[in-house]
N, C-alpha and C. Protein backbone atom coordinates (compact mmCIF):
# COMPACT_ATOMS: atom_id res chain seq x y z
N UNK A 1 12.65 23.76 -0.12
CA UNK A 1 11.62 24.59 -1.69
C UNK A 1 10.70 24.83 -0.34
N UNK A 2 10.27 25.95 -1.07
CA UNK A 2 8.76 26.45 -0.50
C UNK A 2 8.02 26.43 -0.29
N UNK A 3 6.61 25.72 0.42
CA UNK A 3 5.67 25.64 0.06
C UNK A 3 4.88 26.39 -1.10
N UNK A 4 3.92 25.78 -1.83
CA UNK A 4 2.73 26.18 -2.91
C UNK A 4 1.53 26.88 -2.30
N UNK A 5 1.50 26.44 -1.22
CA UNK A 5 0.48 26.57 -0.62
C UNK A 5 0.92 26.66 1.30
N UNK A 6 0.66 27.73 1.24
CA UNK A 6 1.38 28.30 2.46
C UNK A 6 -0.41 27.70 3.55
N UNK A 7 0.29 27.19 4.79
CA UNK A 7 -0.53 26.26 5.55
C UNK A 7 -0.95 27.72 6.69
N UNK A 8 -2.18 27.02 7.32
CA UNK A 8 -2.98 28.61 8.06
C UNK A 8 -1.98 28.74 8.96
N UNK A 9 -2.12 29.48 9.67
CA UNK A 9 -1.79 29.95 10.95
C UNK A 9 -2.66 30.42 12.02
N UNK A 10 -2.28 30.22 13.20
CA UNK A 10 -3.24 30.78 13.96
C UNK A 10 -3.26 32.34 14.61
N UNK A 11 -3.74 32.73 14.53
CA UNK A 11 -4.72 32.25 15.51
C UNK A 11 -6.13 32.03 14.49
N UNK A 12 -6.72 30.62 14.61
CA UNK A 12 -7.47 29.71 13.01
C UNK A 12 -8.79 30.87 13.50
N UNK A 13 -9.43 30.86 12.58
CA UNK A 13 -10.98 30.50 12.83
C UNK A 13 -11.66 29.91 13.58
N UNK A 14 -13.02 29.95 14.51
CA UNK A 14 -13.49 28.69 15.41
C UNK A 14 -13.51 27.86 14.70
N UNK A 15 -14.13 27.67 13.13
CA UNK A 15 -14.38 26.51 12.76
C UNK A 15 -13.22 25.99 11.82
N UNK A 16 -12.60 26.45 11.93
CA UNK A 16 -10.88 25.97 11.58
C UNK A 16 -10.57 25.15 12.41
N UNK A 17 -10.49 26.03 13.78
CA UNK A 17 -9.52 25.33 14.58
C UNK A 17 -10.36 24.43 15.54
N UNK A 18 -11.80 24.38 15.27
CA UNK A 18 -12.32 23.18 15.56
C UNK A 18 -12.75 21.67 14.64
N UNK A 19 -12.42 22.10 13.09
CA UNK A 19 -11.54 21.08 12.51
C UNK A 19 -10.81 20.23 12.85
N UNK A 20 -9.54 21.48 12.82
CA UNK A 20 -8.03 21.32 12.86
C UNK A 20 -8.13 20.04 14.13
N UNK A 21 -8.51 20.31 15.34
CA UNK A 21 -8.76 19.45 16.91
C UNK A 21 -9.53 18.47 16.52
N UNK A 22 -10.40 18.63 15.44
CA UNK A 22 -10.80 16.86 15.52
C UNK A 22 -10.41 15.96 14.73
N UNK A 23 -9.11 16.65 13.67
CA UNK A 23 -8.36 15.98 13.10
C UNK A 23 -7.12 15.39 14.07
N UNK A 24 -7.14 15.10 15.62
CA UNK A 24 -5.36 15.08 15.54
C UNK A 24 -5.89 14.73 17.16
N UNK A 25 -4.94 14.12 17.73
CA UNK A 25 -5.30 12.76 18.93
C UNK A 25 -5.55 14.18 19.88
N UNK A 26 -6.22 14.61 20.93
CA UNK A 26 -5.89 15.52 22.27
C UNK A 26 -4.47 15.94 22.52
N UNK A 27 -4.51 17.64 22.34
CA UNK A 27 -3.50 18.21 23.04
C UNK A 27 -2.18 18.14 21.97
N UNK A 28 -2.57 17.19 20.24
CA UNK A 28 -1.58 17.44 19.63
C UNK A 28 -1.67 18.38 18.75
N UNK A 29 -0.28 19.32 17.87
CA UNK A 29 -1.11 20.44 17.19
C UNK A 29 -1.06 19.66 15.90
N UNK A 30 -1.93 20.74 15.29
CA UNK A 30 -2.56 20.40 13.93
C UNK A 30 -0.90 19.99 13.09
N UNK A 31 -1.23 19.24 12.02
CA UNK A 31 -0.31 18.56 10.93
C UNK A 31 0.17 19.93 10.26
N UNK A 32 1.20 19.92 9.49
CA UNK A 32 1.29 20.79 8.16
C UNK A 32 0.13 20.65 7.35
N UNK A 33 -0.09 19.62 6.82
CA UNK A 33 -0.67 18.76 6.23
C UNK A 33 -2.68 19.68 6.06
N UNK A 34 -2.46 18.93 7.31
CA UNK A 34 -3.81 19.55 7.37
C UNK A 34 -3.99 21.54 7.66
N UNK A 35 -3.28 21.75 8.78
CA UNK A 35 -2.97 22.85 7.95
C UNK A 35 -3.20 23.84 6.30
N UNK A 36 -2.57 23.00 5.58
CA UNK A 36 -2.61 23.64 4.14
C UNK A 36 -3.83 22.98 3.68
N UNK A 37 -4.26 21.74 4.12
CA UNK A 37 -5.98 21.41 3.69
C UNK A 37 -7.11 22.62 3.89
N UNK A 38 -7.12 23.06 4.86
CA UNK A 38 -7.36 23.93 5.62
C UNK A 38 -7.78 25.12 4.92
N UNK A 39 -6.71 25.66 3.93
CA UNK A 39 -7.20 26.54 3.03
C UNK A 39 -8.56 26.45 2.02
N UNK A 40 -8.88 25.46 2.12
CA UNK A 40 -10.38 24.93 1.68
C UNK A 40 -10.83 23.54 2.56
N UNK A 41 -11.83 24.80 3.02
CA UNK A 41 -12.06 24.34 3.99
C UNK A 41 -13.12 23.10 3.56
N UNK A 42 -14.14 23.62 3.38
CA UNK A 42 -14.94 23.11 2.67
C UNK A 42 -14.48 20.96 2.03
N UNK A 43 -13.42 21.72 1.17
CA UNK A 43 -12.97 19.74 1.28
C UNK A 43 -12.12 19.34 1.94
N UNK A 44 -12.03 19.76 3.25
CA UNK A 44 -11.09 19.82 4.61
C UNK A 44 -12.32 18.62 5.40
N UNK A 45 -13.60 19.47 5.09
CA UNK A 45 -14.81 19.16 6.80
C UNK A 45 -14.63 17.92 5.63
N UNK A 46 -15.01 17.61 4.21
CA UNK A 46 -15.81 16.76 3.99
C UNK A 46 -14.85 15.28 3.70
N UNK A 47 -13.12 15.72 3.46
CA UNK A 47 -12.07 14.73 3.32
C UNK A 47 -12.11 13.83 5.48
N UNK A 48 -12.60 15.08 6.45
CA UNK A 48 -12.60 14.52 7.59
C UNK A 48 -12.88 12.65 7.75
N UNK A 49 -13.94 12.69 7.28
CA UNK A 49 -14.92 11.46 7.90
C UNK A 49 -14.15 10.04 6.81
N UNK A 50 -13.86 10.54 5.77
CA UNK A 50 -13.09 9.31 5.11
C UNK A 50 -12.10 9.16 5.85
N UNK A 51 -11.06 9.67 6.08
CA UNK A 51 -9.83 10.07 6.84
C UNK A 51 -9.56 9.61 7.70
N UNK A 52 -10.64 9.70 8.80
CA UNK A 52 -10.75 9.46 10.17
C UNK A 52 -10.76 8.09 9.98
N UNK A 53 -12.20 7.53 9.16
CA UNK A 53 -11.90 5.79 8.86
C UNK A 53 -11.18 5.29 8.70
N UNK A 54 -10.15 5.88 7.52
CA UNK A 54 -8.75 4.83 6.78
C UNK A 54 -7.95 4.97 8.58
N UNK A 55 -7.97 5.87 9.45
CA UNK A 55 -6.94 5.17 10.78
C UNK A 55 -8.21 4.75 12.03
N UNK A 56 -9.09 4.37 12.03
CA UNK A 56 -9.73 4.05 12.68
C UNK A 56 -9.43 2.00 12.65
N UNK A 57 -10.44 1.96 14.03
CA UNK A 57 -10.47 0.43 14.38
C UNK A 57 -11.27 -0.36 13.38
N UNK A 58 -12.15 0.53 12.81
CA UNK A 58 -13.65 -0.05 11.33
C UNK A 58 -12.93 -0.31 10.75
N UNK A 59 -11.50 0.40 9.91
CA UNK A 59 -10.78 -0.65 8.85
C UNK A 59 -10.57 -1.49 9.20
N UNK A 60 -10.84 -2.55 8.30
CA UNK A 60 -10.80 -4.38 8.45
C UNK A 60 -9.35 -5.00 8.31
N UNK A 61 -8.53 -3.79 7.75
CA UNK A 61 -7.19 -4.67 8.36
C UNK A 61 -6.42 -4.35 9.74
N UNK A 62 -5.36 -5.16 9.83
CA UNK A 62 -4.68 -4.60 11.00
C UNK A 62 -3.92 -3.14 10.81
N UNK A 63 -3.51 -2.81 11.94
CA UNK A 63 -2.60 -1.65 12.34
C UNK A 63 -1.45 -1.68 11.69
N UNK A 64 -0.96 -2.81 11.70
CA UNK A 64 -0.14 -3.35 10.68
C UNK A 64 -0.05 -3.31 9.46
N UNK A 65 -1.08 -3.66 8.75
CA UNK A 65 -1.25 -4.08 7.80
C UNK A 65 -1.60 -3.15 6.78
N UNK A 66 -2.43 -1.88 7.39
CA UNK A 66 -2.43 -0.60 6.84
C UNK A 66 -1.44 0.28 7.36
N UNK A 67 -0.38 0.23 7.99
CA UNK A 67 0.81 0.66 8.44
C UNK A 67 1.81 0.66 6.52
N UNK A 68 1.99 -1.10 6.59
CA UNK A 68 2.74 -1.63 5.44
C UNK A 68 2.38 -1.10 4.22
N UNK A 69 0.63 -0.89 3.77
CA UNK A 69 0.22 -0.31 2.94
C UNK A 69 0.50 1.03 2.99
N UNK A 70 0.54 1.93 3.63
CA UNK A 70 0.19 3.44 3.52
C UNK A 70 1.93 3.89 3.62
N UNK A 71 2.95 3.31 4.24
CA UNK A 71 4.13 3.29 3.93
C UNK A 71 4.19 3.74 2.46
N UNK A 72 4.15 1.54 1.90
CA UNK A 72 4.54 1.59 1.13
C UNK A 72 4.40 2.58 -0.40
N UNK A 73 3.46 2.64 -0.35
CA UNK A 73 2.55 3.41 -1.31
C UNK A 73 2.82 5.12 -1.38
N UNK A 74 3.40 5.75 0.04
CA UNK A 74 4.07 6.67 0.40
C UNK A 74 5.33 6.80 -0.21
N UNK A 75 5.88 5.82 0.03
CA UNK A 75 7.00 5.49 -0.69
C UNK A 75 7.45 5.67 -1.83
N UNK A 76 6.76 4.85 -2.56
CA UNK A 76 6.16 4.70 -4.28
C UNK A 76 6.07 5.83 -5.13
N UNK A 77 5.80 6.67 -4.00
CA UNK A 77 5.53 8.44 -4.83
C UNK A 77 6.05 9.27 -4.59
N UNK A 78 6.73 9.05 -3.96
CA UNK A 78 8.44 9.83 -3.64
C UNK A 78 7.47 10.74 -2.45
N UNK A 79 6.67 10.74 -1.47
CA UNK A 79 5.97 11.53 -0.68
C UNK A 79 6.78 11.72 1.15
N UNK A 80 8.05 12.01 0.71
CA UNK A 80 8.40 12.12 2.36
C UNK A 80 7.83 12.48 3.46
N UNK A 81 7.30 13.62 3.06
CA UNK A 81 6.31 14.28 4.39
C UNK A 81 5.43 13.20 4.75
N UNK A 82 4.65 12.46 3.83
CA UNK A 82 3.57 11.72 4.98
C UNK A 82 4.15 10.41 5.56
N UNK A 83 5.03 9.91 4.10
CA UNK A 83 5.68 8.33 4.98
C UNK A 83 6.11 8.75 6.39
N UNK A 84 6.99 10.45 6.57
CA UNK A 84 7.97 10.64 7.73
C UNK A 84 6.80 10.57 8.77
N UNK A 85 5.65 11.21 8.72
CA UNK A 85 4.63 11.02 9.35
C UNK A 85 3.70 9.78 10.03
N UNK A 86 3.71 9.02 9.19
CA UNK A 86 3.23 7.93 9.38
C UNK A 86 4.47 6.61 9.80
N UNK A 87 5.73 7.25 9.74
CA UNK A 87 6.75 6.51 10.28
C UNK A 87 6.85 6.59 11.53
N UNK A 88 6.43 8.15 11.67
CA UNK A 88 6.97 8.62 13.22
C UNK A 88 5.83 8.19 13.97
N UNK A 89 4.57 8.30 13.69
CA UNK A 89 3.64 7.90 15.00
C UNK A 89 3.18 6.64 14.67
N UNK A 90 3.73 5.59 13.50
CA UNK A 90 2.93 4.57 14.07
C UNK A 90 3.66 3.08 14.25
N UNK A 91 5.02 3.43 13.21
CA UNK A 91 5.86 1.99 13.05
C UNK A 91 5.89 1.81 14.08
N UNK A 92 5.89 2.41 15.20
CA UNK A 92 6.73 1.48 16.57
C UNK A 92 4.90 1.29 16.72
N UNK A 93 4.10 1.13 17.04
CA UNK A 93 2.95 0.62 17.56
C UNK A 93 2.51 -0.63 15.88
N UNK A 94 3.38 -0.38 15.44
CA UNK A 94 2.89 -1.31 14.24
C UNK A 94 3.86 -2.62 14.26
N UNK A 95 5.09 -2.11 14.74
CA UNK A 95 6.20 -3.48 15.43
C UNK A 95 6.60 -3.66 13.38
N UNK A 96 6.66 -2.57 13.27
CA UNK A 96 7.88 -2.73 11.80
C UNK A 96 9.12 -2.55 12.32
N UNK A 97 10.38 -3.29 12.31
CA UNK A 97 11.81 -2.83 12.61
C UNK A 97 12.75 -2.11 11.49
N UNK A 98 13.44 -1.79 11.38
CA UNK A 98 14.29 -0.49 11.08
C UNK A 98 13.86 -1.32 9.72
N UNK A 99 14.75 -2.95 9.45
CA UNK A 99 14.94 -2.81 8.35
C UNK A 99 13.62 -3.18 7.03
N UNK A 100 12.68 -3.40 8.12
CA UNK A 100 11.09 -3.47 7.08
C UNK A 100 11.09 -2.16 6.76
N UNK A 101 11.11 -0.82 7.60
CA UNK A 101 11.14 0.57 7.19
C UNK A 101 11.44 0.78 6.06
N UNK A 102 12.99 0.35 5.97
CA UNK A 102 14.14 0.73 4.57
C UNK A 102 13.45 -0.17 3.01
N UNK A 103 13.07 -0.95 3.66
CA UNK A 103 12.70 -2.21 2.82
C UNK A 103 11.40 -1.70 1.64
N UNK A 104 10.60 -1.01 2.54
CA UNK A 104 9.22 -0.14 2.69
C UNK A 104 9.41 1.03 1.37
N UNK A 105 10.54 1.64 2.29
CA UNK A 105 10.93 2.37 1.40
C UNK A 105 11.88 2.33 -0.03
N UNK A 106 12.44 1.00 0.07
CA UNK A 106 13.82 1.24 -1.78
C UNK A 106 13.83 -0.33 -1.82
N UNK A 107 13.07 -1.05 -1.04
CA UNK A 107 13.78 -2.66 -1.16
C UNK A 107 12.21 -2.81 -1.40
N UNK A 108 12.47 -5.10 -1.35
CA UNK A 108 10.77 -4.77 -2.22
C UNK A 108 10.44 -6.60 -1.80
N UNK A 109 8.84 -6.65 -1.32
CA UNK A 109 8.40 -8.19 -0.85
C UNK A 109 9.72 -8.72 -0.69
N UNK A 110 10.35 -9.31 -1.52
CA UNK A 110 11.58 -10.45 -1.47
C UNK A 110 12.54 -10.08 -0.43
N UNK A 111 12.45 -8.79 0.07
CA UNK A 111 13.42 -9.12 1.15
C UNK A 111 13.61 -9.83 2.25
N UNK A 112 14.35 -10.33 3.04
CA UNK A 112 14.75 -11.36 3.62
C UNK A 112 14.45 -10.85 5.33
N UNK A 113 13.82 -9.17 5.47
CA UNK A 113 12.96 -8.74 6.46
C UNK A 113 12.02 -9.15 6.92
N UNK A 114 10.80 -9.80 5.90
CA UNK A 114 9.80 -10.26 6.01
C UNK A 114 9.51 -11.57 6.24
N UNK A 115 8.67 -11.40 7.61
CA UNK A 115 8.33 -12.46 8.22
C UNK A 115 8.02 -13.59 7.21
N UNK A 116 8.47 -14.71 7.11
CA UNK A 116 7.64 -16.11 6.32
C UNK A 116 6.61 -16.69 6.86
N UNK A 117 5.67 -16.41 7.12
CA UNK A 117 4.90 -16.78 7.25
C UNK A 117 4.24 -17.53 6.39
N UNK A 118 2.82 -18.43 6.69
CA UNK A 118 2.60 -19.78 5.61
C UNK A 118 1.53 -18.64 5.13
N UNK A 119 0.65 -17.56 5.43
CA UNK A 119 0.07 -16.82 4.44
C UNK A 119 1.32 -15.43 4.02
N UNK A 120 1.94 -15.15 4.43
CA UNK A 120 2.86 -14.09 3.34
C UNK A 120 2.14 -12.22 3.11
N UNK A 121 1.23 -12.34 4.42
CA UNK A 121 0.38 -10.88 4.47
C UNK A 121 1.27 -9.84 3.73
N UNK A 122 2.39 -9.36 4.61
CA UNK A 122 2.62 -8.62 4.60
C UNK A 122 3.48 -8.64 3.07
N UNK A 123 3.94 -9.55 2.74
CA UNK A 123 4.37 -9.30 1.78
C UNK A 123 3.85 -9.21 0.51
N UNK A 124 2.30 -10.17 0.69
CA UNK A 124 1.02 -9.80 -0.32
C UNK A 124 0.62 -8.60 -0.70
N UNK A 125 0.66 -7.55 0.84
CA UNK A 125 -0.01 -6.31 1.14
C UNK A 125 1.21 -5.19 0.12
N UNK A 126 2.34 -5.54 0.21
CA UNK A 126 3.99 -5.02 -0.37
C UNK A 126 3.75 -5.26 -2.24
N UNK A 127 3.09 -6.58 -2.38
CA UNK A 127 3.43 -6.40 -3.92
C UNK A 127 1.55 -6.03 -4.44
N UNK A 128 0.58 -6.04 -3.90
CA UNK A 128 -0.62 -5.57 -3.88
C UNK A 128 -0.53 -3.72 -4.23
N UNK A 129 0.48 -3.24 -3.39
CA UNK A 129 0.64 -1.68 -3.18
C UNK A 129 1.30 -1.35 -4.85
N UNK A 130 2.50 -2.56 -4.44
CA UNK A 130 3.63 -2.45 -5.85
C UNK A 130 2.82 -2.10 -6.76
N UNK A 131 2.20 -3.20 -7.32
CA UNK A 131 0.99 -4.00 -8.33
C UNK A 131 -0.10 -1.81 -8.70
N UNK A 132 -0.82 -1.69 -7.65
CA UNK A 132 -1.45 -0.56 -7.61
C UNK A 132 -0.86 0.31 -8.42
N UNK A 133 0.10 0.89 -7.27
CA UNK A 133 0.91 2.05 -7.74
C UNK A 133 1.47 2.20 -9.48
N UNK A 134 2.21 0.70 -9.49
CA UNK A 134 2.62 0.58 -11.24
C UNK A 134 1.56 0.22 -12.40
N UNK A 135 0.37 -0.18 -11.69
CA UNK A 135 -0.26 -0.50 -12.80
C UNK A 135 -2.07 -0.02 -13.10
N UNK A 136 -2.14 0.59 -11.51
CA UNK A 136 -3.60 0.88 -11.25
C UNK A 136 -4.53 0.29 -11.41
N UNK A 137 -4.12 -1.52 -10.91
CA UNK A 137 -4.55 -2.28 -11.40
C UNK A 137 -3.62 -3.64 -10.57
N UNK A 138 -4.71 -4.57 -10.37
CA UNK A 138 -3.70 -5.81 -9.32
C UNK A 138 -4.22 -6.82 -10.60
N UNK A 139 -3.03 -8.08 -10.83
CA UNK A 139 -3.48 -9.25 -11.93
C UNK A 139 -4.17 -10.26 -11.14
N UNK A 140 -4.73 -10.79 -12.08
CA UNK A 140 -5.02 -12.22 -11.73
C UNK A 140 -4.19 -13.22 -10.92
N UNK A 141 -3.29 -13.28 -11.31
CA UNK A 141 -2.57 -14.17 -10.09
C UNK A 141 -2.30 -13.79 -8.83
N UNK A 142 -1.93 -12.31 -8.18
CA UNK A 142 -1.45 -11.78 -7.35
C UNK A 142 -3.07 -11.50 -6.65
N UNK A 143 -4.60 -11.18 -7.45
CA UNK A 143 -5.68 -11.60 -6.92
C UNK A 143 -6.19 -12.75 -6.23
N UNK A 144 -5.78 -13.85 -6.80
CA UNK A 144 -5.93 -14.91 -6.27
C UNK A 144 -5.07 -15.15 -5.44
N UNK A 145 -4.20 -14.83 -4.77
CA UNK A 145 -3.09 -15.20 -3.78
C UNK A 145 -3.92 -14.19 -2.58
N UNK A 146 -4.23 -13.29 -2.95
CA UNK A 146 -4.96 -11.85 -1.90
C UNK A 146 -6.06 -12.86 -1.41
N UNK A 147 -6.72 -12.81 -1.92
CA UNK A 147 -8.23 -13.89 -2.19
C UNK A 147 -7.70 -14.84 -1.49
N UNK A 148 -6.77 -15.37 -1.35
CA UNK A 148 -6.55 -16.67 -0.37
C UNK A 148 -6.41 -16.03 0.81
N UNK A 149 -5.99 -14.77 0.79
CA UNK A 149 -5.62 -14.73 2.45
C UNK A 149 -6.23 -13.76 3.30
N UNK A 150 -7.13 -12.51 2.16
CA UNK A 150 -7.58 -11.51 2.89
C UNK A 150 -9.34 -11.52 2.24
N UNK A 151 -10.07 -11.11 3.20
CA UNK A 151 -11.60 -11.16 2.84
C UNK A 151 -11.98 -9.96 2.44
N UNK A 152 -12.83 -9.94 1.83
CA UNK A 152 -13.17 -9.61 0.71
C UNK A 152 -13.48 -7.67 1.10
N UNK A 153 -13.92 -7.71 2.24
CA UNK A 153 -14.25 -6.49 2.98
C UNK A 153 -12.30 -6.17 3.12
N UNK A 154 -11.44 -6.87 3.43
CA UNK A 154 -10.05 -6.79 3.43
C UNK A 154 -9.75 -6.11 2.38
N UNK A 155 -9.67 -6.78 1.33
CA UNK A 155 -9.88 -6.07 -0.32
C UNK A 155 -9.98 -4.96 -0.98
N UNK A 156 -11.23 -4.65 0.08
CA UNK A 156 -11.69 -3.48 -0.11
C UNK A 156 -11.34 -2.22 0.07
N UNK A 157 -10.89 -2.63 1.57
CA UNK A 157 -10.54 -1.65 2.79
C UNK A 157 -8.64 -1.58 1.79
N UNK A 158 -7.95 -2.55 1.14
CA UNK A 158 -6.56 -2.20 1.16
C UNK A 158 -6.46 -1.48 -0.24
N UNK A 159 -7.87 -1.69 -1.35
CA UNK A 159 -7.80 -0.91 -2.76
C UNK A 159 -8.09 0.85 -2.53
N UNK A 160 -8.90 0.89 -1.58
CA UNK A 160 -9.30 1.89 -1.50
C UNK A 160 -8.08 3.37 -0.51
N UNK A 161 -7.51 2.09 0.20
CA UNK A 161 -6.42 2.55 1.23
C UNK A 161 -5.07 3.19 0.46
N UNK A 162 -4.92 2.07 -0.38
CA UNK A 162 -3.95 2.88 -1.27
C UNK A 162 -4.34 4.01 -2.28
N UNK A 163 -5.14 4.01 -2.68
CA UNK A 163 -5.92 5.19 -3.41
C UNK A 163 -5.61 6.25 -2.71
N UNK A 164 -6.16 6.08 -1.32
CA UNK A 164 -6.37 7.54 -0.12
C UNK A 164 -5.09 7.43 -0.21
N UNK A 165 -4.00 7.05 -0.16
CA UNK A 165 -3.02 7.94 0.25
C UNK A 165 -1.63 7.82 -1.01
N UNK A 166 -2.57 7.73 -2.26
CA UNK A 166 -1.72 7.73 -3.13
C UNK A 166 -2.45 9.46 -3.68
N UNK A 167 -3.59 9.58 -3.18
CA UNK A 167 -4.13 11.23 -3.21
C UNK A 167 -3.24 12.20 -2.42
N UNK A 168 -2.80 11.78 -1.26
CA UNK A 168 -2.77 12.01 -0.06
C UNK A 168 -1.57 13.13 -0.30
N UNK A 169 -0.48 11.89 -1.21
CA UNK A 169 1.09 11.72 -1.66
C UNK A 169 1.06 12.62 -2.44
N UNK A 170 0.53 12.59 -4.03
CA UNK A 170 0.25 13.80 -4.69
C UNK A 170 -0.06 15.25 -3.84
N UNK A 171 -0.60 15.68 -3.00
CA UNK A 171 -1.25 16.85 -2.25
C UNK A 171 0.10 17.40 -1.92
N UNK A 172 0.52 17.05 -0.96
CA UNK A 172 1.55 17.05 0.04
C UNK A 172 2.65 17.64 -0.69
N UNK A 173 2.55 16.38 -2.00
CA UNK A 173 4.24 16.39 -2.64
C UNK A 173 3.92 17.71 -4.33
N UNK A 174 2.98 18.10 -4.41
CA UNK A 174 2.64 18.99 -5.06
C UNK A 174 2.36 20.38 -4.13
N UNK A 175 2.18 20.21 -3.82
CA UNK A 175 1.29 22.02 -2.53
C UNK A 175 2.88 22.32 -1.97
N UNK A 176 3.62 20.99 -2.20
CA UNK A 176 5.49 21.45 -1.49
C UNK A 176 5.08 21.63 0.26
N UNK A 177 3.94 20.87 1.02
CA UNK A 177 4.26 20.81 2.29
C UNK A 177 5.76 20.42 2.81
N UNK A 178 5.77 21.45 3.78
CA UNK A 178 7.12 21.30 4.35
C UNK A 178 7.44 20.17 5.44
N UNK A 179 8.20 19.51 4.95
CA UNK A 179 8.31 18.34 5.97
C UNK A 179 8.04 18.95 7.57
N UNK A 180 7.76 17.58 8.29
CA UNK A 180 7.57 18.37 9.68
C UNK A 180 8.79 17.67 10.75
N UNK A 181 9.24 18.58 11.54
CA UNK A 181 10.52 18.83 11.97
C UNK A 181 10.93 17.47 12.89
N UNK A 182 9.85 17.33 13.30
CA UNK A 182 10.19 15.59 14.11
C UNK A 182 10.03 14.40 13.36
N UNK A 183 9.40 14.68 12.08
CA UNK A 183 9.60 13.07 11.60
C UNK A 183 10.92 12.87 10.53
N UNK A 184 10.83 11.46 10.39
CA UNK A 184 12.38 11.04 9.65
C UNK A 184 12.11 11.24 8.24
N UNK A 185 12.78 11.78 7.80
CA UNK A 185 13.09 11.75 6.33
C UNK A 185 13.55 10.50 5.71
N UNK A 186 13.84 10.54 4.04
CA UNK A 186 14.14 9.48 3.86
C UNK A 186 15.77 9.42 3.35
N UNK A 187 16.29 8.25 3.77
CA UNK A 187 17.25 7.59 4.07
C UNK A 187 18.42 7.74 5.25
N UNK A 188 17.22 8.53 6.25
CA UNK A 188 17.78 8.79 7.49
C UNK A 188 17.64 7.22 8.39
N UNK A 189 18.26 7.18 9.44
CA UNK A 189 18.68 5.78 10.30
C UNK A 189 16.96 5.93 10.66
N UNK A 190 16.56 4.72 10.63
CA UNK A 190 15.76 4.40 11.03
C UNK A 190 15.20 3.81 12.60
N UNK A 191 16.61 3.19 13.14
CA UNK A 191 16.34 2.72 14.23
C UNK A 191 15.24 3.54 15.97
N UNK A 192 15.28 4.73 16.04
CA UNK A 192 14.79 5.69 16.24
C UNK A 192 13.71 5.46 16.45
N UNK A 193 12.80 5.24 15.23
CA UNK A 193 11.11 4.89 14.95
C UNK A 193 10.92 3.17 14.96
N UNK A 194 11.67 2.25 15.33
CA UNK A 194 11.08 1.31 14.86
C UNK A 194 10.66 0.47 16.08
N UNK A 195 10.27 -0.75 15.29
CA UNK A 195 9.61 -1.67 16.90
C UNK A 195 11.75 -2.19 17.28
């Protein structure tokens, strides 16, 4: 399916090149999504700070917790683009197994691949992402279970993280951003990407 908004192509203007470079690790070419965003430079500049926060160590959720929320949110939004980018870049570092990646994509918090720890943090994050996706809210029962395990700071980060990745998913999907050649697709073998 062709892109509805073509990504900017090199050679970039100095301002676009600087912004794209700031959005990526050193030496890594800019993502097609970021090059698409660059069609609206003011928007890209405005969102860079928040996007950087969501992927930084300042976020009160761990890398694993963050990626569970992102992967589940993107999968529920059916955003193969952003799901694939996050699986490729972060799944192994987040310690997610192939079974867990499959569960985040098509399963549920009840799947046996999730560790049964006393706090059930992973399962609670999946339930929260599902509730936010399905109802744009978290019911009292789930909220009390979450609040028994996560701090208020973490709960606020969780809510904003899920919302941010809804926005990213909506944009990537509706703009028809072409999947990155190196990223997995829904339904592919995930062993290569897993911990």
